[in-house]
Amino acid sequence: MDNIGSFQSAEYAFVDNVKSCAVVSDKIIVILPSDKPWKEIPATPGKIEITVTPTTENDVTIYTVAGIIYCPRHRLSKYNEFSFNKKSKIILKYITGNGDVLVAGDKDTPLTIVSENANPSAANGYSGVKLSISGVMTHPELVLME
């Protein structure tokens, strides 16, 4: 199976918990406290969609992040911290099918995440929780340096 381009998993860190964050060339360093590590988003396989779209105007490029992650309601009920109803600010880490560990957002330009119930409108629809991620960055998604 060719997984290049797909996302295998996603994790987040609240921006308030980030000790330091530095963009170095085309990579990013994110340092979290030992008691506040990256938190897994228990997504349904194949239900992680993240796009980073560049827009250039007057020789300045900005990157718009849009993402939707679907999670089964029963898996989220085990995680009390999944209450993103107040437009929580996060940094998102995700792993592609070919093993790249990428990060969207940083301490200066965090992403917003909001949760809502996902109820199917058709027989083949999804039932669970929909996490919507959005933001604007001054750089593209970056490879995480660990």
Protein backbone atom coordinates (compact mmCIF):
# COMPACT_ATOMS: atom_id res chain seq x y z
CA MET A 1 0.00 0.00 0.00
CA ASP A 2 1.36 3.40 -0.96
CA ASN A 3 0.94 5.71 2.03
CA ILE A 4 2.93 8.66 0.74
CA GLY A 5 0.79 11.73 1.28
CA SER A 6 -1.43 10.19 3.94
CA PHE A 7 -1.22 10.95 7.63
CA GLN A 8 -0.66 8.15 10.14
CA SER A 9 -1.16 10.02 13.40
CA ALA A 10 -1.49 13.46 14.93
CA GLU A 11 -0.51 14.95 18.28
CA TYR A 12 -0.82 18.40 19.78
CA ALA A 13 0.64 20.62 22.48
CA PHE A 14 -1.11 23.62 23.95
CA VAL A 15 0.97 26.66 23.06
CA ASP A 16 0.89 27.80 26.71
CA ASN A 17 2.79 24.61 27.63
CA VAL A 18 5.61 25.14 25.11
CA LYS A 19 8.86 26.05 26.89
CA SER A 20 10.59 27.13 23.70
CA CYS A 21 10.11 26.92 19.98
CA ALA A 22 12.62 27.84 17.27
CA VAL A 23 12.48 27.73 13.49
CA VAL A 24 15.88 26.75 12.09
CA SER A 25 16.06 26.84 8.29
CA ASP A 26 13.43 24.30 7.14
CA LYS A 27 13.11 22.58 10.54
CA ILE A 28 11.54 23.37 13.90
CA ILE A 29 12.59 22.64 17.47
CA VAL A 30 9.80 22.38 20.07
CA ILE A 31 10.70 21.91 23.72
CA LEU A 32 7.94 20.83 26.08
CA PRO A 33 8.09 20.29 29.84
CA SER A 34 8.50 16.64 30.84
CA ASP A 35 5.08 16.65 32.52
CA LYS A 36 3.34 18.12 29.43
CA PRO A 37 4.43 15.97 26.45
CA TRP A 38 2.73 15.84 23.04
CA LYS A 39 -0.82 14.47 23.41
CA GLU A 40 -2.09 11.93 20.92
CA ILE A 41 -5.28 12.68 19.02
CA PRO A 42 -7.02 9.28 18.84
CA ALA A 43 -8.05 9.67 15.21
CA THR A 44 -9.76 7.10 13.06
CA PRO A 45 -7.26 5.72 10.50
CA GLY A 46 -7.59 7.59 7.23
CA LYS A 47 -9.54 10.44 8.84
CA ILE A 48 -6.75 13.01 9.23
CA GLU A 49 -6.75 15.79 6.64
CA ILE A 50 -4.26 18.65 6.89
CA THR A 51 -3.42 21.16 4.19
CA VAL A 52 -0.94 24.01 4.22
CA THR A 53 -1.54 26.44 1.36
CA PRO A 54 0.88 29.26 0.45
CA THR A 55 -0.39 32.64 -0.71
CA THR A 56 1.99 35.32 -1.98
CA GLU A 57 1.10 38.99 -2.11
CA ASN A 58 3.56 41.87 -2.51
CA ASP A 59 6.46 39.40 -2.30
CA VAL A 60 5.29 38.18 1.13
CA THR A 61 4.19 34.56 1.49
CA ILE A 62 1.82 33.40 4.20
CA TYR A 63 0.70 29.82 4.78
CA THR A 64 -2.89 28.98 5.63
CA VAL A 65 -3.43 25.79 7.63
CA ALA A 66 -6.72 23.91 7.46
CA GLY A 67 -7.32 20.53 9.00
CA ILE A 68 -10.09 18.14 9.94
CA ILE A 69 -9.52 15.15 12.18
CA TYR A 70 -12.30 12.68 12.98
CA CYS A 71 -12.22 10.67 16.19
CA PRO A 72 -14.59 8.02 17.51
CA ARG A 73 -16.62 9.39 20.41
CA HIS A 74 -15.84 6.38 22.63
CA ARG A 75 -12.07 6.92 22.22
CA LEU A 76 -12.35 10.61 23.10
CA SER A 77 -14.38 9.87 26.22
CA LYS A 78 -11.22 8.32 27.69
CA TYR A 79 -9.41 11.64 27.23
CA ASN A 80 -10.83 14.36 29.48
CA GLU A 81 -8.54 16.98 27.96
CA PHE A 82 -10.43 17.01 24.64
CA SER A 83 -12.50 20.10 25.32
CA PHE A 84 -11.47 22.43 22.53
CA ASN A 85 -14.65 24.50 22.57
CA LYS A 86 -12.97 27.78 23.45
CA LYS A 87 -10.73 28.00 20.38
CA SER A 88 -7.72 26.52 22.11
CA LYS A 89 -4.31 27.50 20.72
CA ILE A 90 -2.07 24.57 19.78
CA ILE A 91 0.95 23.40 17.85
CA LEU A 92 0.18 20.32 15.75
CA LYS A 93 2.60 17.45 15.09
CA TYR A 94 1.73 14.80 12.52
CA ILE A 95 3.42 11.84 10.87
CA THR A 96 3.05 11.17 7.16
CA GLY A 97 2.81 7.75 5.55
CA ASN A 98 6.46 7.92 4.57
CA GLY A 99 7.59 8.66 8.14
CA ASP A 100 8.11 12.44 8.04
CA VAL A 101 7.34 14.12 11.35
CA LEU A 102 5.93 17.55 10.52
CA VAL A 103 4.81 20.48 12.65
CA ALA A 104 2.28 23.17 11.83
CA GLY A 105 2.07 26.26 14.01
CA ASP A 106 4.61 27.65 16.43
CA LYS A 107 4.67 29.74 19.59
CA ASP A 108 4.20 33.02 17.68
CA THR A 109 1.61 31.72 15.20
CA PRO A 110 -0.32 28.92 16.92
CA LEU A 111 -3.24 27.08 15.39
CA THR A 112 -6.81 27.11 16.63
CA ILE A 113 -8.63 23.84 17.32
CA VAL A 114 -12.36 23.47 17.88
CA SER A 115 -14.29 20.27 18.59
CA GLU A 116 -17.85 19.49 17.58
CA ASN A 117 -20.06 16.44 17.34
CA ALA A 118 -20.04 14.75 13.94
CA ASN A 119 -23.34 13.12 13.13
CA PRO A 120 -23.77 11.38 9.79
CA SER A 121 -26.12 12.93 7.26
CA ALA A 122 -26.06 9.77 5.13
CA ALA A 123 -25.60 6.04 5.67
CA ASN A 124 -21.91 6.29 4.76
CA GLY A 125 -21.31 9.37 6.97
CA TYR A 126 -19.11 9.60 10.05
CA SER A 127 -20.34 9.57 13.64
CA GLY A 128 -18.00 10.77 16.34
CA VAL A 129 -16.14 14.01 17.02
CA LYS A 130 -14.80 16.39 14.39
CA LEU A 131 -11.74 18.47 15.31
CA SER A 132 -11.34 21.52 13.05
CA ILE A 133 -7.88 23.09 12.91
CA SER A 134 -7.06 26.46 11.35
CA GLY A 135 -4.40 29.11 11.37
CA VAL A 136 -2.00 31.31 9.42
CA MET A 137 1.77 30.95 9.60
CA THR A 138 4.76 32.85 8.25
CA HIS A 139 6.48 29.60 7.22
CA PRO A 140 5.37 26.26 5.75
CA GLU A 141 4.93 23.10 7.79
CA LEU A 142 8.35 22.10 9.09
CA VAL A 143 10.19 18.90 9.94
CA LEU A 144 10.49 18.38 13.71
CA MET A 145 14.04 18.18 15.05
CA GLU A 146 14.11 15.79 18.01
